Structures are given as structure tokens and as C-alpha cells.
Amino acid sequence: VVGCSMGGYVALSLAERHPRVVAALGLIATRARADNIGEKQVRGELAGKVLSVGVDVLTETALPKTLHGLDEAQSQRMKDIVGDQFPDAVSQALYA
């Protein structure tokens, strides 16, 4: 099982809950601890903003923190991908 970013949280949870199912675990650009209370609050606030103003709030706030090392074309492509997502889905992913 391989998890990247938020998918790392999912992969860790799967390995913890079902250790016999996971023979190996790969974690990419994630961390091994859950968000603390302050981080959860920030994610919750961002999820609310996504619902109220749309996913573009991510391209202005959170996304620039994750695009280091990409050239302008790559950064724009990532912004376009995020911009095409449904606000409800993005919000729920942030809450999860």
C-alpha cells in the first residue's frame, strides 16, 4: 500500500486497522502522526471556506505551499486540476 499526502493518513490507518492486509507500506510526502487540534481547526476552517467560496481558495492559500520545485506550467496544471474539483468533495476530504 502506498499513500501520498493525505493518502498517507489513509494508508497508515489501513495498516493499523488491518495489519494482515498490508504486507508493505510506502509513505510519500506525508507524516506519521495525526493533525493536532490547531491543525484540525485550520483544516476545518479551510473546508468551510471551500464550501462558501469554492475550491479556488485552495489555489490561493494551501496549494502554493505544496508546489515547491515545480515550474510555472506544472504549477498551473496542478491549479487547474484542483480548480476542477467539486467543493463538497474537497471539503469532505479536508474534514476527513
PDB file of N, CA and C in Angstrom:
ATOM      1  N   VAL A   1       0.858  -1.177   0.000  1.00  0.00           N
ATOM      2  CA  VAL A   1       0.000   0.000   0.000  1.00  0.00           C
ATOM      3  C   VAL A   1       0.894   1.227   0.000  1.00  0.00           C
ATOM      4  N   VAL A   2       0.581   2.166  -0.882  1.00  0.00           N
ATOM      5  CA  VAL A   2       1.323   3.417  -0.951  1.00  0.00           C
ATOM      6  C   VAL A   2       0.334   4.556  -0.757  1.00  0.00           C
ATOM      7  N   GLY A   3       0.711   5.512   0.086  1.00  0.00           N
ATOM      8  CA  GLY A   3      -0.119   6.683   0.299  1.00  0.00           C
ATOM      9  C   GLY A   3       0.705   7.942   0.140  1.00  0.00           C
ATOM     10  N   CYS A   4       0.152   8.899  -0.569  1.00  0.00           N
ATOM     11  CA  CYS A   4       0.820  10.171  -0.805  1.00  0.00           C
ATOM     12  C   CYS A   4      -0.007  11.286  -0.173  1.00  0.00           C
ATOM     13  N   SER A   5       0.646  12.148   0.583  1.00  0.00           N
ATOM     14  CA  SER A   5      -0.001  13.292   1.217  1.00  0.00           C
ATOM     15  C   SER A   5      -1.139  12.811   2.111  1.00  0.00           C
ATOM     16  N   MET A   6      -2.362  13.273   1.868  1.00  0.00           N
ATOM     17  CA  MET A   6      -3.491  12.828   2.691  1.00  0.00           C
ATOM     18  C   MET A   6      -3.729  11.329   2.553  1.00  0.00           C
ATOM     19  N   GLY A   7      -3.335  10.773   1.424  1.00  0.00           N
ATOM     20  CA  GLY A   7      -3.442   9.333   1.233  1.00  0.00           C
ATOM     21  C   GLY A   7      -2.537   8.560   2.178  1.00  0.00           C
ATOM     22  N   GLY A   8      -1.475   9.214   2.654  1.00  0.00           N
ATOM     23  CA  GLY A   8      -0.617   8.589   3.658  1.00  0.00           C
ATOM     24  C   GLY A   8      -1.356   8.355   4.961  1.00  0.00           C
ATOM     25  N   TYR A   9      -2.221   9.300   5.328  1.00  0.00           N
ATOM     26  CA  TYR A   9      -3.039   9.121   6.530  1.00  0.00           C
ATOM     27  C   TYR A   9      -3.947   7.893   6.361  1.00  0.00           C
ATOM     28  N   VAL A  10      -4.519   7.763   5.156  1.00  0.00           N
ATOM     29  CA  VAL A  10      -5.404   6.638   4.875  1.00  0.00           C
ATOM     30  C   VAL A  10      -4.615   5.331   4.916  1.00  0.00           C
ATOM     31  N   ALA A  11      -3.443   5.315   4.301  1.00  0.00           N
ATOM     32  CA  ALA A  11      -2.622   4.102   4.278  1.00  0.00           C
ATOM     33  C   ALA A  11      -2.200   3.694   5.685  1.00  0.00           C
ATOM     34  N   LEU A  12      -1.815   4.652   6.507  1.00  0.00           N
ATOM     35  CA  LEU A  12      -1.445   4.351   7.890  1.00  0.00           C
ATOM     36  C   LEU A  12      -2.627   3.792   8.676  1.00  0.00           C
ATOM     37  N   SER A  13      -3.785   4.376   8.472  1.00  0.00           N
ATOM     38  CA  SER A  13      -4.983   3.895   9.159  1.00  0.00           C
ATOM     39  C   SER A  13      -5.316   2.465   8.732  1.00  0.00           C
ATOM     40  N   LEU A  14      -5.199   2.195   7.436  1.00  0.00           N
ATOM     41  CA  LEU A  14      -5.444   0.845   6.935  1.00  0.00           C
ATOM     42  C   LEU A  14      -4.467  -0.143   7.563  1.00  0.00           C
ATOM     43  N   ALA A  15      -3.192   0.216   7.596  1.00  0.00           N
ATOM     44  CA  ALA A  15      -2.180  -0.675   8.168  1.00  0.00           C
ATOM     45  C   ALA A  15      -2.424  -0.915   9.656  1.00  0.00           C
ATOM     46  N   GLU A  16      -2.877   0.110  10.348  1.00  0.00           N
ATOM     47  CA  GLU A  16      -3.154  -0.020  11.778  1.00  0.00           C
ATOM     48  C   GLU A  16      -4.390  -0.882  12.032  1.00  0.00           C
ATOM     49  N   ARG A  17      -5.423  -0.686  11.236  1.00  0.00           N
ATOM     50  CA  ARG A  17      -6.681  -1.400  11.447  1.00  0.00           C
ATOM     51  C   ARG A  17      -6.678  -2.821  10.886  1.00  0.00           C
ATOM     52  N   HIS A  18      -5.907  -3.028   9.826  1.00  0.00           N
ATOM     53  CA  HIS A  18      -5.891  -4.334   9.151  1.00  0.00           C
ATOM     54  C   HIS A  18      -4.455  -4.747   8.839  1.00  0.00           C
ATOM     55  N   PRO A  19      -3.647  -4.985   9.849  1.00  0.00           N
ATOM     56  CA  PRO A  19      -2.220  -5.265   9.614  1.00  0.00           C
ATOM     57  C   PRO A  19      -1.950  -6.498   8.755  1.00  0.00           C
ATOM     58  N   ARG A  20      -2.850  -7.463   8.746  1.00  0.00           N
ATOM     59  CA  ARG A  20      -2.628  -8.660   7.932  1.00  0.00           C
ATOM     60  C   ARG A  20      -2.813  -8.395   6.444  1.00  0.00           C
ATOM     61  N   VAL A  21      -3.488  -7.319   6.113  1.00  0.00           N
ATOM     62  CA  VAL A  21      -3.755  -6.987   4.711  1.00  0.00           C
ATOM     63  C   VAL A  21      -2.583  -6.232   4.091  1.00  0.00           C
ATOM     64  N   VAL A  22      -1.804  -5.544   4.912  1.00  0.00           N
ATOM     65  CA  VAL A  22      -0.735  -4.681   4.421  1.00  0.00           C
ATOM     66  C   VAL A  22       0.611  -5.381   4.603  1.00  0.00           C
ATOM     67  N   ALA A  23       1.180  -5.842   3.482  1.00  0.00           N
ATOM     68  CA  ALA A  23       2.484  -6.512   3.529  1.00  0.00           C
ATOM     69  C   ALA A  23       3.619  -5.495   3.580  1.00  0.00           C
ATOM     70  N   ALA A  24       3.422  -4.347   2.942  1.00  0.00           N
ATOM     71  CA  ALA A  24       4.437  -3.292   2.923  1.00  0.00           C
ATOM     72  C   ALA A  24       3.715  -1.948   2.829  1.00  0.00           C
ATOM     73  N   LEU A  25       4.384  -0.922   3.314  1.00  0.00           N
ATOM     74  CA  LEU A  25       3.767   0.395   3.361  1.00  0.00           C
ATOM     75  C   LEU A  25       4.734   1.435   2.819  1.00  0.00           C
ATOM     76  N   GLY A  26       4.288   2.192   1.838  1.00  0.00           N
ATOM     77  CA  GLY A  26       5.085   3.286   1.284  1.00  0.00           C
ATOM     78  C   GLY A  26       4.382   4.605   1.563  1.00  0.00           C
ATOM     79  N   LEU A  27       5.108   5.535   2.163  1.00  0.00           N
ATOM     80  CA  LEU A  27       4.531   6.834   2.501  1.00  0.00           C
ATOM     81  C   LEU A  27       5.317   7.918   1.786  1.00  0.00           C
ATOM     82  N   ILE A  28       4.621   8.743   1.036  1.00  0.00           N
ATOM     83  CA  ILE A  28       5.253   9.781   0.229  1.00  0.00           C
ATOM     84  C   ILE A  28       4.654  11.132   0.609  1.00  0.00           C
ATOM     85  N   ALA A  29       5.513  12.076   0.973  1.00  0.00           N
ATOM     86  CA  ALA A  29       5.089  13.444   1.276  1.00  0.00           C
ATOM     87  C   ALA A  29       3.939  13.474   2.278  1.00  0.00           C
ATOM     88  N   THR A  30       4.098  12.731   3.348  1.00  0.00           N
ATOM     89  CA  THR A  30       3.090  12.669   4.404  1.00  0.00           C
ATOM     90  C   THR A  30       3.804  12.617   5.740  1.00  0.00           C
ATOM     91  N   ARG A  31       3.087  12.360   6.783  1.00  0.00           N
ATOM     92  CA  ARG A  31       3.717  12.222   8.097  1.00  0.00           C
ATOM     93  C   ARG A  31       3.018  11.124   8.870  1.00  0.00           C
ATOM     94  N   ALA A  32       3.660  10.669   9.920  1.00  0.00           N
ATOM     95  CA  ALA A  32       3.182   9.508  10.657  1.00  0.00           C
ATOM     96  C   ALA A  32       2.325   9.865  11.867  1.00  0.00           C
ATOM     97  N   ARG A  33       2.000  11.115  12.031  1.00  0.00           N
ATOM     98  CA  ARG A  33       1.143  11.492  13.159  1.00  0.00           C
ATOM     99  C   ARG A  33      -0.103  12.201  12.641  1.00  0.00           C
ATOM    100  N   ALA A  34      -1.142  12.129  13.437  1.00  0.00           N
ATOM    101  CA  ALA A  34      -2.377  12.823  13.084  1.00  0.00           C
ATOM    102  C   ALA A  34      -2.207  14.324  13.311  1.00  0.00           C
ATOM    103  N   ASP A  35      -3.074  15.095  12.707  1.00  0.00           N
ATOM    104  CA  ASP A  35      -3.057  16.537  12.935  1.00  0.00           C
ATOM    105  C   ASP A  35      -3.356  16.834  14.405  1.00  0.00           C
ATOM    106  N   ASN A  36      -2.701  17.852  14.938  1.00  0.00           N
ATOM    107  CA  ASN A  36      -3.023  18.274  16.297  1.00  0.00           C
ATOM    108  C   ASN A  36      -4.288  19.133  16.258  1.00  0.00           C
ATOM    109  N   ILE A  37      -4.755  19.582  17.398  1.00  0.00           N
ATOM    110  CA  ILE A  37      -6.008  20.336  17.476  1.00  0.00           C
ATOM    111  C   ILE A  37      -5.953  21.595  16.610  1.00  0.00           C
ATOM    112  N   GLY A  38      -4.852  22.328  16.663  1.00  0.00           N
ATOM    113  CA  GLY A  38      -4.720  23.544  15.862  1.00  0.00           C
ATOM    114  C   GLY A  38      -4.753  23.258  14.375  1.00  0.00           C
ATOM    115  N   GLU A  39      -4.066  22.201  13.959  1.00  0.00           N
ATOM    116  CA  GLU A  39      -4.054  21.823  12.538  1.00  0.00           C
ATOM    117  C   GLU A  39      -5.440  21.376  12.078  1.00  0.00           C
ATOM    118  N   LYS A  40      -6.143  20.645  12.946  1.00  0.00           N
ATOM    119  CA  LYS A  40      -7.512  20.233  12.605  1.00  0.00           C
ATOM    120  C   LYS A  40      -8.414  21.453  12.455  1.00  0.00           C
ATOM    121  N   GLN A  41      -8.217  22.426  13.313  1.00  0.00           N
ATOM    122  CA  GLN A  41      -9.026  23.638  13.237  1.00  0.00           C
ATOM    123  C   GLN A  41      -8.777  24.377  11.915  1.00  0.00           C
ATOM    124  N   VAL A  42      -7.498  24.483  11.532  1.00  0.00           N
ATOM    125  CA  VAL A  42      -7.159  25.145  10.275  1.00  0.00           C
ATOM    126  C   VAL A  42      -7.778  24.399   9.094  1.00  0.00           C
ATOM    127  N   ARG A  43      -7.695  23.071   9.107  1.00  0.00           N
ATOM    128  CA  ARG A  43      -8.301  22.276   8.023  1.00  0.00           C
ATOM    129  C   ARG A  43      -9.815  22.475   7.994  1.00  0.00           C
ATOM    130  N   GLY A  44     -10.429  22.505   9.172  1.00  0.00           N
ATOM    131  CA  GLY A  44     -11.869  22.707   9.245  1.00  0.00           C
ATOM    132  C   GLY A  44     -12.284  24.063   8.704  1.00  0.00           C
ATOM    133  N   GLU A  45     -11.511  25.086   9.043  1.00  0.00           N
ATOM    134  CA  GLU A  45     -11.799  26.424   8.530  1.00  0.00           C
ATOM    135  C   GLU A  45     -11.652  26.465   7.008  1.00  0.00           C
ATOM    136  N   LEU A  46     -10.613  25.807   6.513  1.00  0.00           N
ATOM    137  CA  LEU A  46     -10.402  25.759   5.062  1.00  0.00           C
ATOM    138  C   LEU A  46     -11.540  25.001   4.382  1.00  0.00           C
ATOM    139  N   ALA A  47     -11.991  23.912   4.990  1.00  0.00           N
ATOM    140  CA  ALA A  47     -13.118  23.149   4.427  1.00  0.00           C
ATOM    141  C   ALA A  47     -14.361  24.018   4.345  1.00  0.00           C
ATOM    142  N   GLY A  48     -14.601  24.821   5.371  1.00  0.00           N
ATOM    143  CA  GLY A  48     -15.741  25.725   5.354  1.00  0.00           C
ATOM    144  C   GLY A  48     -15.621  26.782   4.271  1.00  0.00           C
ATOM    145  N   LYS A  49     -14.403  27.309   4.088  1.00  0.00           N
ATOM    146  CA  LYS A  49     -14.186  28.309   3.037  1.00  0.00           C
ATOM    147  C   LYS A  49     -14.401  27.708   1.657  1.00  0.00           C
ATOM    148  N   VAL A  50     -13.964  26.465   1.478  1.00  0.00           N
ATOM    149  CA  VAL A  50     -14.160  25.795   0.185  1.00  0.00           C
ATOM    150  C   VAL A  50     -15.657  25.709  -0.125  1.00  0.00           C
ATOM    151  N   LEU A  51     -16.464  25.400   0.890  1.00  0.00           N
ATOM    152  CA  LEU A  51     -17.909  25.316   0.676  1.00  0.00           C
ATOM    153  C   LEU A  51     -18.528  26.679   0.399  1.00  0.00           C
ATOM    154  N   SER A  52     -18.018  27.710   1.066  1.00  0.00           N
ATOM    155  CA  SER A  52     -18.651  29.021   0.932  1.00  0.00           C
ATOM    156  C   SER A  52     -18.183  29.810  -0.293  1.00  0.00           C
ATOM    157  N   VAL A  53     -16.898  29.672  -0.661  1.00  0.00           N
ATOM    158  CA  VAL A  53     -16.388  30.479  -1.781  1.00  0.00           C
ATOM    159  C   VAL A  53     -15.864  29.648  -2.950  1.00  0.00           C
ATOM    160  N   GLY A  54     -15.723  28.337  -2.765  1.00  0.00           N
ATOM    161  CA  GLY A  54     -15.254  27.479  -3.856  1.00  0.00           C
ATOM    162  C   GLY A  54     -13.826  27.005  -3.678  1.00  0.00           C
ATOM    163  N   VAL A  55     -13.429  26.095  -4.552  1.00  0.00           N
ATOM    164  CA  VAL A  55     -12.113  25.453  -4.438  1.00  0.00           C
ATOM    165  C   VAL A  55     -10.958  26.385  -4.798  1.00  0.00           C
ATOM    166  N   ASP A  56     -11.270  27.504  -5.415  1.00  0.00           N
ATOM    167  CA  ASP A  56     -10.189  28.439  -5.753  1.00  0.00           C
ATOM    168  C   ASP A  56      -9.462  28.946  -4.514  1.00  0.00           C
ATOM    169  N   VAL A  57     -10.113  28.880  -3.361  1.00  0.00           N
ATOM    170  CA  VAL A  57      -9.449  29.297  -2.124  1.00  0.00           C
ATOM    171  C   VAL A  57      -8.206  28.427  -1.873  1.00  0.00           C
ATOM    172  N   LEU A  58      -8.233  27.184  -2.325  1.00  0.00           N
ATOM    173  CA  LEU A  58      -7.066  26.305  -2.173  1.00  0.00           C
ATOM    174  C   LEU A  58      -5.902  26.759  -3.041  1.00  0.00           C
ATOM    175  N   THR A  59      -6.209  27.203  -4.256  1.00  0.00           N
ATOM    176  CA  THR A  59      -5.130  27.621  -5.151  1.00  0.00           C
ATOM    177  C   THR A  59      -4.478  28.902  -4.668  1.00  0.00           C
ATOM    178  N   GLU A  60      -5.187  29.648  -3.832  1.00  0.00           N
ATOM    179  CA  GLU A  60      -4.645  30.902  -3.309  1.00  0.00           C
ATOM    180  C   GLU A  60      -3.934  30.728  -1.971  1.00  0.00           C
ATOM    181  N   THR A  61      -4.319  29.726  -1.184  1.00  0.00           N
ATOM    182  CA  THR A  61      -3.782  29.586   0.170  1.00  0.00           C
ATOM    183  C   THR A  61      -2.941  28.326   0.354  1.00  0.00           C
ATOM    184  N   ALA A  62      -3.573  27.180   0.278  1.00  0.00           N
ATOM    185  CA  ALA A  62      -2.893  25.924   0.617  1.00  0.00           C
ATOM    186  C   ALA A  62      -2.000  25.392  -0.496  1.00  0.00           C
ATOM    187  N   LEU A  63      -2.437  25.496  -1.726  1.00  0.00           N
ATOM    188  CA  LEU A  63      -1.703  24.886  -2.832  1.00  0.00           C
ATOM    189  C   LEU A  63      -0.294  25.445  -3.029  1.00  0.00           C
ATOM    190  N   PRO A  64      -0.078  26.760  -2.916  1.00  0.00           N
ATOM    191  CA  PRO A  64       1.285  27.262  -3.110  1.00  0.00           C
ATOM    192  C   PRO A  64       2.317  26.618  -2.170  1.00  0.00           C
ATOM    193  N   LYS A  65       1.880  26.184  -0.999  1.00  0.00           N
ATOM    194  CA  LYS A  65       2.791  25.542  -0.045  1.00  0.00           C
ATOM    195  C   LYS A  65       3.261  24.174  -0.534  1.00  0.00           C
ATOM    196  N   THR A  66       2.493  23.575  -1.443  1.00  0.00           N
ATOM    197  CA  THR A  66       2.809  22.218  -1.900  1.00  0.00           C
ATOM    198  C   THR A  66       3.441  22.154  -3.279  1.00  0.00           C
ATOM    199  N   LEU A  67       3.618  23.282  -3.932  1.00  0.00           N
ATOM    200  CA  LEU A  67       4.097  23.283  -5.316  1.00  0.00           C
ATOM    201  C   LEU A  67       5.569  23.654  -5.466  1.00  0.00           C
ATOM    202  N   HIS A  68       6.334  23.588  -4.402  1.00  0.00           N
ATOM    203  CA  HIS A  68       7.754  23.929  -4.475  1.00  0.00           C
ATOM    204  C   HIS A  68       8.469  23.011  -5.461  1.00  0.00           C
ATOM    205  N   GLY A  69       9.299  23.570  -6.279  1.00  0.00           N
ATOM    206  CA  GLY A  69      10.097  22.792  -7.212  1.00  0.00           C
ATOM    207  C   GLY A  69       9.436  22.569  -8.564  1.00  0.00           C
ATOM    208  N   LEU A  70       8.184  22.984  -8.705  1.00  0.00           N
ATOM    209  CA  LEU A  70       7.520  22.831  -9.992  1.00  0.00           C
ATOM    210  C   LEU A  70       7.721  24.086 -10.830  1.00  0.00           C
ATOM    211  N   ASP A  71       7.812  23.906 -12.134  1.00  0.00           N
ATOM    212  CA  ASP A  71       7.897  25.091 -12.987  1.00  0.00           C
ATOM    213  C   ASP A  71       6.502  25.692 -13.146  1.00  0.00           C
ATOM    214  N   GLU A  72       6.406  26.825 -13.804  1.00  0.00           N
ATOM    215  CA  GLU A  72       5.134  27.544 -13.906  1.00  0.00           C
ATOM    216  C   GLU A  72       4.054  26.714 -14.591  1.00  0.00           C
ATOM    217  N   ALA A  73       4.415  26.001 -15.652  1.00  0.00           N
ATOM    218  CA  ALA A  73       3.431  25.179 -16.365  1.00  0.00           C
ATOM    219  C   ALA A  73       2.899  24.061 -15.476  1.00  0.00           C
ATOM    220  N   GLN A  74       3.788  23.417 -14.732  1.00  0.00           N
ATOM    221  CA  GLN A  74       3.368  22.355 -13.827  1.00  0.00           C
ATOM    222  C   GLN A  74       2.483  22.903 -12.714  1.00  0.00           C
ATOM    223  N   SER A  75       2.869  24.042 -12.163  1.00  0.00           N
ATOM    224  CA  SER A  75       2.067  24.675 -11.108  1.00  0.00           C
ATOM    225  C   SER A  75       0.679  25.028 -11.627  1.00  0.00           C
ATOM    226  N   GLN A  76       0.613  25.569 -12.824  1.00  0.00           N
ATOM    227  CA  GLN A  76      -0.685  25.932 -13.399  1.00  0.00           C
ATOM    228  C   GLN A  76      -1.534  24.696 -13.626  1.00  0.00           C
ATOM    229  N   ARG A  77      -0.919  23.623 -14.079  1.00  0.00           N
ATOM    230  CA  ARG A  77      -1.668  22.372 -14.300  1.00  0.00           C
ATOM    231  C   ARG A  77      -2.262  21.867 -12.992  1.00  0.00           C
ATOM    232  N   MET A  78      -1.490  21.909 -11.909  1.00  0.00           N
ATOM    233  CA  MET A  78      -1.995  21.488 -10.604  1.00  0.00           C
ATOM    234  C   MET A  78      -3.147  22.379 -10.165  1.00  0.00           C
ATOM    235  N   LYS A  79      -3.010  23.678 -10.366  1.00  0.00           N
ATOM    236  CA  LYS A  79      -4.087  24.610 -10.008  1.00  0.00           C
ATOM    237  C   LYS A  79      -5.347  24.314 -10.820  1.00  0.00           C
ATOM    238  N   ASP A  80      -5.173  23.983 -12.090  1.00  0.00           N
ATOM    239  CA  ASP A  80      -6.318  23.647 -12.937  1.00  0.00           C
ATOM    240  C   ASP A  80      -7.011  22.380 -12.444  1.00  0.00           C
ATOM    241  N   ILE A  81      -6.225  21.388 -12.058  1.00  0.00           N
ATOM    242  CA  ILE A  81      -6.792  20.132 -11.552  1.00  0.00           C
ATOM    243  C   ILE A  81      -7.591  20.396 -10.277  1.00  0.00           C
ATOM    244  N   VAL A  82      -7.014  21.144  -9.355  1.00  0.00           N
ATOM    245  CA  VAL A  82      -7.713  21.468  -8.111  1.00  0.00           C
ATOM    246  C   VAL A  82      -8.972  22.273  -8.412  1.00  0.00           C
ATOM    247  N   GLY A  83      -8.860  23.223  -9.317  1.00  0.00           N
ATOM    248  CA  GLY A  83      -9.996  24.065  -9.668  1.00  0.00           C
ATOM    249  C   GLY A  83     -11.163  23.316 -10.282  1.00  0.00           C
ATOM    250  N   ASP A  84     -10.913  22.129 -10.831  1.00  0.00           N
ATOM    251  CA  ASP A  84     -11.961  21.325 -11.449  1.00  0.00           C
ATOM    252  C   ASP A  84     -12.706  20.424 -10.458  1.00  0.00           C
ATOM    253  N   GLN A  85     -12.284  20.421  -9.200  1.00  0.00           N
ATOM    254  CA  GLN A  85     -12.886  19.523  -8.208  1.00  0.00           C
ATOM    255  C   GLN A  85     -14.186  20.099  -7.651  1.00  0.00           C
ATOM    256  N   PHE A  86     -15.054  19.208  -7.198  1.00  0.00           N
ATOM    257  CA  PHE A  86     -16.315  19.622  -6.587  1.00  0.00           C
ATOM    258  C   PHE A  86     -16.066  20.123  -5.171  1.00  0.00           C
ATOM    259  N   PRO A  87     -16.587  21.297  -4.817  1.00  0.00           N
ATOM    260  CA  PRO A  87     -16.369  21.838  -3.469  1.00  0.00           C
ATOM    261  C   PRO A  87     -16.779  20.876  -2.357  1.00  0.00           C
ATOM    262  N   ASP A  88     -17.892  20.176  -2.517  1.00  0.00           N
ATOM    263  CA  ASP A  88     -18.329  19.230  -1.481  1.00  0.00           C
ATOM    264  C   ASP A  88     -17.291  18.134  -1.252  1.00  0.00           C
ATOM    265  N   ALA A  89     -16.746  17.609  -2.343  1.00  0.00           N
ATOM    266  CA  ALA A  89     -15.753  16.538  -2.236  1.00  0.00           C
ATOM    267  C   ALA A  89     -14.475  17.028  -1.571  1.00  0.00           C
ATOM    268  N   VAL A  90     -14.017  18.210  -1.964  1.00  0.00           N
ATOM    269  CA  VAL A  90     -12.796  18.777  -1.385  1.00  0.00           C
ATOM    270  C   VAL A  90     -13.009  19.054   0.100  1.00  0.00           C
ATOM    271  N   SER A  91     -14.145  19.622   0.437  1.00  0.00           N
ATOM    272  CA  SER A  91     -14.446  19.932   1.830  1.00  0.00           C
ATOM    273  C   SER A  91     -14.450  18.663   2.675  1.00  0.00           C
ATOM    274  N   GLN A  92     -15.107  17.624   2.192  1.00  0.00           N
ATOM    275  CA  GLN A  92     -15.154  16.372   2.946  1.00  0.00           C
ATOM    276  C   GLN A  92     -13.777  15.739   3.095  1.00  0.00           C
ATOM    277  N   ALA A  93     -12.954  15.837   2.067  1.00  0.00           N
ATOM    278  CA  ALA A  93     -11.587  15.310   2.160  1.00  0.00           C
ATOM    279  C   ALA A  93     -10.803  16.069   3.235  1.00  0.00           C
ATOM    280  N   LEU A  94     -10.983  17.380   3.293  1.00  0.00           N
ATOM    281  CA  LEU A  94     -10.293  18.163   4.314  1.00  0.00           C
ATOM    282  C   LEU A  94     -10.778  17.817   5.717  1.00  0.00           C
ATOM    283  N   TYR A  95     -12.077  17.626   5.876  1.00  0.00           N
ATOM    284  CA  TYR A  95     -12.606  17.221   7.178  1.00  0.00           C
ATOM    285  C   TYR A  95     -12.108  15.833   7.566  1.00  0.00           C
ATOM    286  N   ALA A  96     -12.001  14.936   6.580  1.00  0.00           N
ATOM    287  CA  ALA A  96     -11.559  13.563   6.882  1.00  0.00           C
ATOM    288  C   ALA A  96     -10.132  13.572   7.367  1.00  0.00           C
TER     289      ALA A  96
END
